[in-house]
Amino acid sequence: MSFTVYILYSLATDTYYKGQTSNLEDRLRRHNGGYEKATKRGIPWKLVWTATKKTRGEALKLEKKLKNLSRERTLEFIKKYG
C-alpha cells in the first residue's frame, strides 16, 4: 500500500489545502462532495500537486512540512515541483 500527499486549490476561496491519504480518488470525492468540514466552504477543489510515499509515516511527515508553508512558499513549491 502507498500513500499520497496532495495539495488542493479552491478558486471559490482562493485557498490551498494539504493532506494525505491511501485512496486519493475517494478523498477527492469526499472533499468535493462536502463531506469534509475543513474543505466544505471551498468546493470545488482542484488537485494541483501530488507525491507518493511508501509509508503513512513518510506521508504524514511531508504533509506536516507542507502545512507549515506560507501561501507564498506553497506557490513556490508547486511551481518548482509541480
PDB file of N, CA and C in Angstrom:
ATOM      1  N   MET A   1       0.848  -1.190   0.000  1.00  0.00           N
ATOM      2  CA  MET A   1       0.000   0.000   0.000  1.00  0.00           C
ATOM      3  C   MET A   1       0.885   1.243   0.000  1.00  0.00           C
ATOM      4  N   SER A   2       0.461   2.233  -0.759  1.00  0.00           N
ATOM      5  CA  SER A   2       1.186   3.507  -0.772  1.00  0.00           C
ATOM      6  C   SER A   2       0.244   4.624  -0.315  1.00  0.00           C
ATOM      7  N   PHE A   3       0.833   5.759  -0.038  1.00  0.00           N
ATOM      8  CA  PHE A   3       0.080   6.905   0.472  1.00  0.00           C
ATOM      9  C   PHE A   3       0.382   8.119  -0.387  1.00  0.00           C
ATOM     10  N   THR A   4      -0.631   8.914  -0.654  1.00  0.00           N
ATOM     11  CA  THR A   4      -0.491  10.094  -1.489  1.00  0.00           C
ATOM     12  C   THR A   4      -0.608  11.353  -0.642  1.00  0.00           C
ATOM     13  N   VAL A   5       0.376  12.232  -0.805  1.00  0.00           N
ATOM     14  CA  VAL A   5       0.329  13.553  -0.183  1.00  0.00           C
ATOM     15  C   VAL A   5      -0.137  14.477  -1.301  1.00  0.00           C
ATOM     16  N   TYR A   6      -1.054  15.388  -0.990  1.00  0.00           N
ATOM     17  CA  TYR A   6      -1.640  16.199  -2.060  1.00  0.00           C
ATOM     18  C   TYR A   6      -1.880  17.632  -1.632  1.00  0.00           C
ATOM     19  N   ILE A   7      -1.975  18.488  -2.648  1.00  0.00           N
ATOM     20  CA  ILE A   7      -2.357  19.883  -2.427  1.00  0.00           C
ATOM     21  C   ILE A   7      -3.547  20.164  -3.334  1.00  0.00           C
ATOM     22  N   LEU A   8      -4.606  20.721  -2.742  1.00  0.00           N
ATOM     23  CA  LEU A   8      -5.799  21.116  -3.480  1.00  0.00           C
ATOM     24  C   LEU A   8      -5.868  22.635  -3.515  1.00  0.00           C
ATOM     25  N   TYR A   9      -6.537  23.159  -4.533  1.00  0.00           N
ATOM     26  CA  TYR A   9      -6.750  24.602  -4.622  1.00  0.00           C
ATOM     27  C   TYR A   9      -8.233  24.877  -4.837  1.00  0.00           C
ATOM     28  N   SER A  10      -8.735  25.897  -4.147  1.00  0.00           N
ATOM     29  CA  SER A  10     -10.122  26.323  -4.310  1.00  0.00           C
ATOM     30  C   SER A  10     -10.150  27.718  -4.901  1.00  0.00           C
ATOM     31  N   LEU A  11     -10.735  27.852  -6.075  1.00  0.00           N
ATOM     32  CA  LEU A  11     -10.916  29.161  -6.694  1.00  0.00           C
ATOM     33  C   LEU A  11     -11.955  29.960  -5.905  1.00  0.00           C
ATOM     34  N   ALA A  12     -12.956  29.269  -5.371  1.00  0.00           N
ATOM     35  CA  ALA A  12     -14.036  29.924  -4.615  1.00  0.00           C
ATOM     36  C   ALA A  12     -13.515  30.693  -3.409  1.00  0.00           C
ATOM     37  N   THR A  13     -12.534  30.115  -2.704  1.00  0.00           N
ATOM     38  CA  THR A  13     -11.993  30.767  -1.504  1.00  0.00           C
ATOM     39  C   THR A  13     -10.547  31.219  -1.689  1.00  0.00           C
ATOM     40  N   ASP A  14      -9.965  30.926  -2.872  1.00  0.00           N
ATOM     41  CA  ASP A  14      -8.572  31.266  -3.177  1.00  0.00           C
ATOM     42  C   ASP A  14      -7.637  30.749  -2.081  1.00  0.00           C
ATOM     43  N   THR A  15      -7.824  29.471  -1.726  1.00  0.00           N
ATOM     44  CA  THR A  15      -7.011  28.855  -0.689  1.00  0.00           C
ATOM     45  C   THR A  15      -6.477  27.497  -1.130  1.00  0.00           C
ATOM     46  N   TYR A  16      -5.444  27.055  -0.418  1.00  0.00           N
ATOM     47  CA  TYR A  16      -4.847  25.741  -0.652  1.00  0.00           C
ATOM     48  C   TYR A  16      -5.134  24.849   0.541  1.00  0.00           C
ATOM     49  N   TYR A  17      -5.305  23.560   0.271  1.00  0.00           N
ATOM     50  CA  TYR A  17      -5.500  22.580   1.328  1.00  0.00           C
ATOM     51  C   TYR A  17      -4.485  21.471   1.098  1.00  0.00           C
ATOM     52  N   LYS A  18      -3.808  21.051   2.160  1.00  0.00           N
ATOM     53  CA  LYS A  18      -2.808  19.989   2.055  1.00  0.00           C
ATOM     54  C   LYS A  18      -3.241  18.807   2.898  1.00  0.00           C
ATOM     55  N   GLY A  19      -3.081  17.614   2.355  1.00  0.00           N
ATOM     56  CA  GLY A  19      -3.473  16.424   3.086  1.00  0.00           C
ATOM     57  C   GLY A  19      -2.751  15.195   2.594  1.00  0.00           C
ATOM     58  N   GLN A  20      -3.102  14.040   3.175  1.00  0.00           N
ATOM     59  CA  GLN A  20      -2.532  12.760   2.747  1.00  0.00           C
ATOM     60  C   GLN A  20      -3.599  11.683   2.893  1.00  0.00           C
ATOM     61  N   THR A  21      -3.489  10.654   2.068  1.00  0.00           N
ATOM     62  CA  THR A  21      -4.492   9.596   2.061  1.00  0.00           C
ATOM     63  C   THR A  21      -3.937   8.333   1.413  1.00  0.00           C
ATOM     64  N   SER A  22      -4.605   7.223   1.651  1.00  0.00           N
ATOM     65  CA  SER A  22      -4.242   5.976   0.967  1.00  0.00           C
ATOM     66  C   SER A  22      -5.159   5.752  -0.234  1.00  0.00           C
ATOM     67  N   ASN A  23      -6.192   6.601  -0.401  1.00  0.00           N
ATOM     68  CA  ASN A  23      -7.128   6.459  -1.516  1.00  0.00           C
ATOM     69  C   ASN A  23      -7.480   7.861  -2.027  1.00  0.00           C
ATOM     70  N   LEU A  24      -6.684   8.366  -2.948  1.00  0.00           N
ATOM     71  CA  LEU A  24      -6.836   9.740  -3.422  1.00  0.00           C
ATOM     72  C   LEU A  24      -8.187   9.975  -4.102  1.00  0.00           C
ATOM     73  N   GLU A  25      -8.615   9.038  -4.916  1.00  0.00           N
ATOM     74  CA  GLU A  25      -9.889   9.200  -5.632  1.00  0.00           C
ATOM     75  C   GLU A  25     -11.054   9.391  -4.656  1.00  0.00           C
ATOM     76  N   ASP A  26     -11.117   8.550  -3.629  1.00  0.00           N
ATOM     77  CA  ASP A  26     -12.179   8.656  -2.632  1.00  0.00           C
ATOM     78  C   ASP A  26     -12.054   9.950  -1.829  1.00  0.00           C
ATOM     79  N   ARG A  27     -10.825  10.316  -1.503  1.00  0.00           N
ATOM     80  CA  ARG A  27     -10.600  11.532  -0.716  1.00  0.00           C
ATOM     81  C   ARG A  27     -11.056  12.769  -1.482  1.00  0.00           C
ATOM     82  N   LEU A  28     -10.753  12.841  -2.773  1.00  0.00           N
ATOM     83  CA  LEU A  28     -11.193  13.971  -3.595  1.00  0.00           C
ATOM     84  C   LEU A  28     -12.718  14.019  -3.676  1.00  0.00           C
ATOM     85  N   ARG A  29     -13.334  12.849  -3.806  1.00  0.00           N
ATOM     86  CA  ARG A  29     -14.795  12.770  -3.837  1.00  0.00           C
ATOM     87  C   ARG A  29     -15.381  13.318  -2.537  1.00  0.00           C
ATOM     88  N   ARG A  30     -14.754  12.980  -1.411  1.00  0.00           N
ATOM     89  CA  ARG A  30     -15.231  13.457  -0.112  1.00  0.00           C
ATOM     90  C   ARG A  30     -15.051  14.971   0.026  1.00  0.00           C
ATOM     91  N   HIS A  31     -13.895  15.492  -0.416  1.00  0.00           N
ATOM     92  CA  HIS A  31     -13.664  16.937  -0.344  1.00  0.00           C
ATOM     93  C   HIS A  31     -14.687  17.686  -1.205  1.00  0.00           C
ATOM     94  N   ASN A  32     -14.879  17.239  -2.419  1.00  0.00           N
ATOM     95  CA  ASN A  32     -15.776  17.939  -3.342  1.00  0.00           C
ATOM     96  C   ASN A  32     -17.245  17.619  -3.123  1.00  0.00           C
ATOM     97  N   GLY A  33     -17.520  16.603  -2.313  1.00  0.00           N
ATOM     98  CA  GLY A  33     -18.907  16.250  -2.013  1.00  0.00           C
ATOM     99  C   GLY A  33     -19.429  16.944  -0.759  1.00  0.00           C
ATOM    100  N   GLY A  34     -18.555  17.727  -0.111  1.00  0.00           N
ATOM    101  CA  GLY A  34     -18.973  18.441   1.091  1.00  0.00           C
ATOM    102  C   GLY A  34     -18.959  17.597   2.351  1.00  0.00           C
ATOM    103  N   TYR A  35     -18.285  16.438   2.300  1.00  0.00           N
ATOM    104  CA  TYR A  35     -18.251  15.538   3.456  1.00  0.00           C
ATOM    105  C   TYR A  35     -17.186  15.906   4.479  1.00  0.00           C
ATOM    106  N   GLU A  36     -16.262  16.783   4.095  1.00  0.00           N
ATOM    107  CA  GLU A  36     -15.168  17.165   4.992  1.00  0.00           C
ATOM    108  C   GLU A  36     -15.370  18.594   5.476  1.00  0.00           C
ATOM    109  N   LYS A  37     -15.483  18.751   6.776  1.00  0.00           N
ATOM    110  CA  LYS A  37     -15.755  20.058   7.366  1.00  0.00           C
ATOM    111  C   LYS A  37     -14.692  21.096   6.971  1.00  0.00           C
ATOM    112  N   ALA A  38     -13.431  20.680   6.961  1.00  0.00           N
ATOM    113  CA  ALA A  38     -12.326  21.616   6.686  1.00  0.00           C
ATOM    114  C   ALA A  38     -12.343  22.175   5.267  1.00  0.00           C
ATOM    115  N   THR A  39     -12.960  21.464   4.336  1.00  0.00           N
ATOM    116  CA  THR A  39     -12.925  21.905   2.940  1.00  0.00           C
ATOM    117  C   THR A  39     -14.304  22.201   2.350  1.00  0.00           C
ATOM    118  N   LYS A  40     -15.328  22.107   3.149  1.00  0.00           N
ATOM    119  CA  LYS A  40     -16.705  22.285   2.669  1.00  0.00           C
ATOM    120  C   LYS A  40     -16.919  23.644   1.982  1.00  0.00           C
ATOM    121  N   ARG A  41     -16.359  24.713   2.565  1.00  0.00           N
ATOM    122  CA  ARG A  41     -16.553  26.062   2.029  1.00  0.00           C
ATOM    123  C   ARG A  41     -15.911  26.271   0.650  1.00  0.00           C
ATOM    124  N   GLY A  42     -14.869  25.508   0.326  1.00  0.00           N
ATOM    125  CA  GLY A  42     -14.107  25.784  -0.891  1.00  0.00           C
ATOM    126  C   GLY A  42     -14.492  25.000  -2.126  1.00  0.00           C
ATOM    127  N   ILE A  43     -15.575  24.259  -2.075  1.00  0.00           N
ATOM    128  CA  ILE A  43     -15.989  23.425  -3.213  1.00  0.00           C
ATOM    129  C   ILE A  43     -16.215  24.292  -4.450  1.00  0.00           C
ATOM    130  N   PRO A  44     -15.738  23.921  -5.617  1.00  0.00           N
ATOM    131  CA  PRO A  44     -14.991  22.700  -5.944  1.00  0.00           C
ATOM    132  C   PRO A  44     -13.481  22.873  -5.727  1.00  0.00           C
ATOM    133  N   TRP A  45     -12.836  21.790  -5.344  1.00  0.00           N
ATOM    134  CA  TRP A  45     -11.392  21.766  -5.150  1.00  0.00           C
ATOM    135  C   TRP A  45     -10.726  21.156  -6.364  1.00  0.00           C
ATOM    136  N   LYS A  46      -9.586  21.709  -6.729  1.00  0.00           N
ATOM    137  CA  LYS A  46      -8.814  21.204  -7.879  1.00  0.00           C
ATOM    138  C   LYS A  46      -7.493  20.638  -7.361  1.00  0.00           C
ATOM    139  N   LEU A  47      -7.158  19.434  -7.787  1.00  0.00           N
ATOM    140  CA  LEU A  47      -5.898  18.806  -7.401  1.00  0.00           C
ATOM    141  C   LEU A  47      -4.762  19.490  -8.164  1.00  0.00           C
ATOM    142  N   VAL A  48      -3.793  20.073  -7.449  1.00  0.00           N
ATOM    143  CA  VAL A  48      -2.711  20.803  -8.114  1.00  0.00           C
ATOM    144  C   VAL A  48      -1.342  20.168  -7.926  1.00  0.00           C
ATOM    145  N   TRP A  49      -1.194  19.226  -6.974  1.00  0.00           N
ATOM    146  CA  TRP A  49       0.104  18.592  -6.744  1.00  0.00           C
ATOM    147  C   TRP A  49      -0.075  17.302  -5.956  1.00  0.00           C
ATOM    148  N   THR A  50       0.727  16.281  -6.289  1.00  0.00           N
ATOM    149  CA  THR A  50       0.714  15.024  -5.531  1.00  0.00           C
ATOM    150  C   THR A  50       2.125  14.449  -5.440  1.00  0.00           C
ATOM    151  N   ALA A  51       2.327  13.624  -4.436  1.00  0.00           N
ATOM    152  CA  ALA A  51       3.545  12.823  -4.282  1.00  0.00           C
ATOM    153  C   ALA A  51       3.139  11.519  -3.615  1.00  0.00           C
ATOM    154  N   THR A  52       3.802  10.439  -3.974  1.00  0.00           N
ATOM    155  CA  THR A  52       3.505   9.132  -3.401  1.00  0.00           C
ATOM    156  C   THR A  52       4.606   8.737  -2.423  1.00  0.00           C
ATOM    157  N   LYS A  53       4.195   8.240  -1.268  1.00  0.00           N
ATOM    158  CA  LYS A  53       5.131   7.783  -0.239  1.00  0.00           C
ATOM    159  C   LYS A  53       4.821   6.329   0.101  1.00  0.00           C
ATOM    160  N   LYS A  54       5.843   5.588   0.513  1.00  0.00           N
ATOM    161  CA  LYS A  54       5.686   4.164   0.802  1.00  0.00           C
ATOM    162  C   LYS A  54       4.963   3.886   2.113  1.00  0.00           C
ATOM    163  N   THR A  55       5.125   4.779   3.091  1.00  0.00           N
ATOM    164  CA  THR A  55       4.507   4.540   4.407  1.00  0.00           C
ATOM    165  C   THR A  55       3.675   5.743   4.839  1.00  0.00           C
ATOM    166  N   ARG A  56       2.730   5.498   5.727  1.00  0.00           N
ATOM    167  CA  ARG A  56       1.924   6.596   6.257  1.00  0.00           C
ATOM    168  C   ARG A  56       2.806   7.567   7.043  1.00  0.00           C
ATOM    169  N   GLY A  57       3.805   7.050   7.724  1.00  0.00           N
ATOM    170  CA  GLY A  57       4.727   7.888   8.475  1.00  0.00           C
ATOM    171  C   GLY A  57       5.433   8.899   7.582  1.00  0.00           C
ATOM    172  N   GLU A  58       5.921   8.445   6.429  1.00  0.00           N
ATOM    173  CA  GLU A  58       6.578   9.341   5.470  1.00  0.00           C
ATOM    174  C   GLU A  58       5.586  10.376   4.950  1.00  0.00           C
ATOM    175  N   ALA A  59       4.358   9.928   4.668  1.00  0.00           N
ATOM    176  CA  ALA A  59       3.321  10.828   4.150  1.00  0.00           C
ATOM    177  C   ALA A  59       2.964  11.895   5.186  1.00  0.00           C
ATOM    178  N   LEU A  60       2.821  11.483   6.436  1.00  0.00           N
ATOM    179  CA  LEU A  60       2.481  12.431   7.497  1.00  0.00           C
ATOM    180  C   LEU A  60       3.595  13.459   7.706  1.00  0.00           C
ATOM    181  N   LYS A  61       4.832  13.007   7.589  1.00  0.00           N
ATOM    182  CA  LYS A  61       5.977  13.904   7.754  1.00  0.00           C
ATOM    183  C   LYS A  61       5.978  14.983   6.666  1.00  0.00           C
ATOM    184  N   LEU A  62       5.744  14.561   5.414  1.00  0.00           N
ATOM    185  CA  LEU A  62       5.705  15.523   4.308  1.00  0.00           C
ATOM    186  C   LEU A  62       4.485  16.440   4.437  1.00  0.00           C
ATOM    187  N   GLU A  63       3.340  15.882   4.795  1.00  0.00           N
ATOM    188  CA  GLU A  63       2.133  16.686   4.974  1.00  0.00           C
ATOM    189  C   GLU A  63       2.366  17.786   6.015  1.00  0.00           C
ATOM    190  N   LYS A  64       3.014  17.434   7.110  1.00  0.00           N
ATOM    191  CA  LYS A  64       3.283  18.408   8.168  1.00  0.00           C
ATOM    192  C   LYS A  64       4.174  19.539   7.646  1.00  0.00           C
ATOM    193  N   LYS A  65       5.205  19.183   6.873  1.00  0.00           N
ATOM    194  CA  LYS A  65       6.088  20.199   6.294  1.00  0.00           C
ATOM    195  C   LYS A  65       5.309  21.127   5.371  1.00  0.00           C
ATOM    196  N   LEU A  66       4.435  20.546   4.535  1.00  0.00           N
ATOM    197  CA  LEU A  66       3.644  21.356   3.602  1.00  0.00           C
ATOM    198  C   LEU A  66       2.689  22.280   4.343  1.00  0.00           C
ATOM    199  N   LYS A  67       2.069  21.772   5.393  1.00  0.00           N
ATOM    200  CA  LYS A  67       1.103  22.583   6.140  1.00  0.00           C
ATOM    201  C   LYS A  67       1.765  23.771   6.840  1.00  0.00           C
ATOM    202  N   ASN A  68       3.069  23.673   7.070  1.00  0.00           N
ATOM    203  CA  ASN A  68       3.799  24.766   7.714  1.00  0.00           C
ATOM    204  C   ASN A  68       4.269  25.829   6.718  1.00  0.00           C
ATOM    205  N   LEU A  69       4.074  25.589   5.421  1.00  0.00           N
ATOM    206  CA  LEU A  69       4.480  26.572   4.418  1.00  0.00           C
ATOM    207  C   LEU A  69       3.483  27.731   4.358  1.00  0.00           C
ATOM    208  N   SER A  70       4.003  28.928   4.164  1.00  0.00           N
ATOM    209  CA  SER A  70       3.132  30.084   3.941  1.00  0.00           C
ATOM    210  C   SER A  70       2.496  29.933   2.563  1.00  0.00           C
ATOM    211  N   ARG A  71       1.541  30.762   2.266  1.00  0.00           N
ATOM    212  CA  ARG A  71       0.902  30.740   0.946  1.00  0.00           C
ATOM    213  C   ARG A  71       1.947  30.963  -0.155  1.00  0.00           C
ATOM    214  N   GLU A  72       2.811  31.948   0.053  1.00  0.00           N
ATOM    215  CA  GLU A  72       3.851  32.265  -0.933  1.00  0.00           C
ATOM    216  C   GLU A  72       4.779  31.073  -1.152  1.00  0.00           C
ATOM    217  N   ARG A  73       5.197  30.430  -0.067  1.00  0.00           N
ATOM    218  CA  ARG A  73       6.083  29.272  -0.168  1.00  0.00           C
ATOM    219  C   ARG A  73       5.362  28.084  -0.814  1.00  0.00           C
ATOM    220  N   THR A  74       4.063  27.963  -0.546  1.00  0.00           N
ATOM    221  CA  THR A  74       3.273  26.898  -1.167  1.00  0.00           C
ATOM    222  C   THR A  74       3.267  27.089  -2.683  1.00  0.00           C
ATOM    223  N   LEU A  75       3.037  28.315  -3.138  1.00  0.00           N
ATOM    224  CA  LEU A  75       3.051  28.611  -4.570  1.00  0.00           C
ATOM    225  C   LEU A  75       4.408  28.304  -5.190  1.00  0.00           C
ATOM    226  N   GLU A  76       5.469  28.688  -4.508  1.00  0.00           N
ATOM    227  CA  GLU A  76       6.830  28.405  -4.990  1.00  0.00           C
ATOM    228  C   GLU A  76       7.054  26.907  -5.079  1.00  0.00           C
ATOM    229  N   PHE A  77       6.604  26.172  -4.067  1.00  0.00           N
ATOM    230  CA  PHE A  77       6.755  24.716  -4.023  1.00  0.00           C
ATOM    231  C   PHE A  77       6.042  24.063  -5.203  1.00  0.00           C
ATOM    232  N   ILE A  78       4.802  24.479  -5.464  1.00  0.00           N
ATOM    233  CA  ILE A  78       4.024  23.909  -6.572  1.00  0.00           C
ATOM    234  C   ILE A  78       4.701  24.206  -7.906  1.00  0.00           C
ATOM    235  N   LYS A  79       5.186  25.421  -8.087  1.00  0.00           N
ATOM    236  CA  LYS A  79       5.867  25.785  -9.331  1.00  0.00           C
ATOM    237  C   LYS A  79       7.147  24.981  -9.523  1.00  0.00           C
ATOM    238  N   LYS A  80       7.876  24.772  -8.440  1.00  0.00           N
ATOM    239  CA  LYS A  80       9.155  24.062  -8.515  1.00  0.00           C
ATOM    240  C   LYS A  80       8.974  22.553  -8.726  1.00  0.00           C
ATOM    241  N   TYR A  81       8.015  21.965  -8.022  1.00  0.00           N
ATOM    242  CA  TYR A  81       7.862  20.507  -8.044  1.00  0.00           C
ATOM    243  C   TYR A  81       6.610  20.012  -8.777  1.00  0.00           C
ATOM    244  N   GLY A  82       5.820  20.939  -9.313  1.00  0.00           N
ATOM    245  CA  GLY A  82       4.579  20.567  -9.972  1.00  0.00           C
ATOM    246  C   GLY A  82       4.716  20.160 -11.343  1.00  0.00           C
TER     247      GLY A  82
END
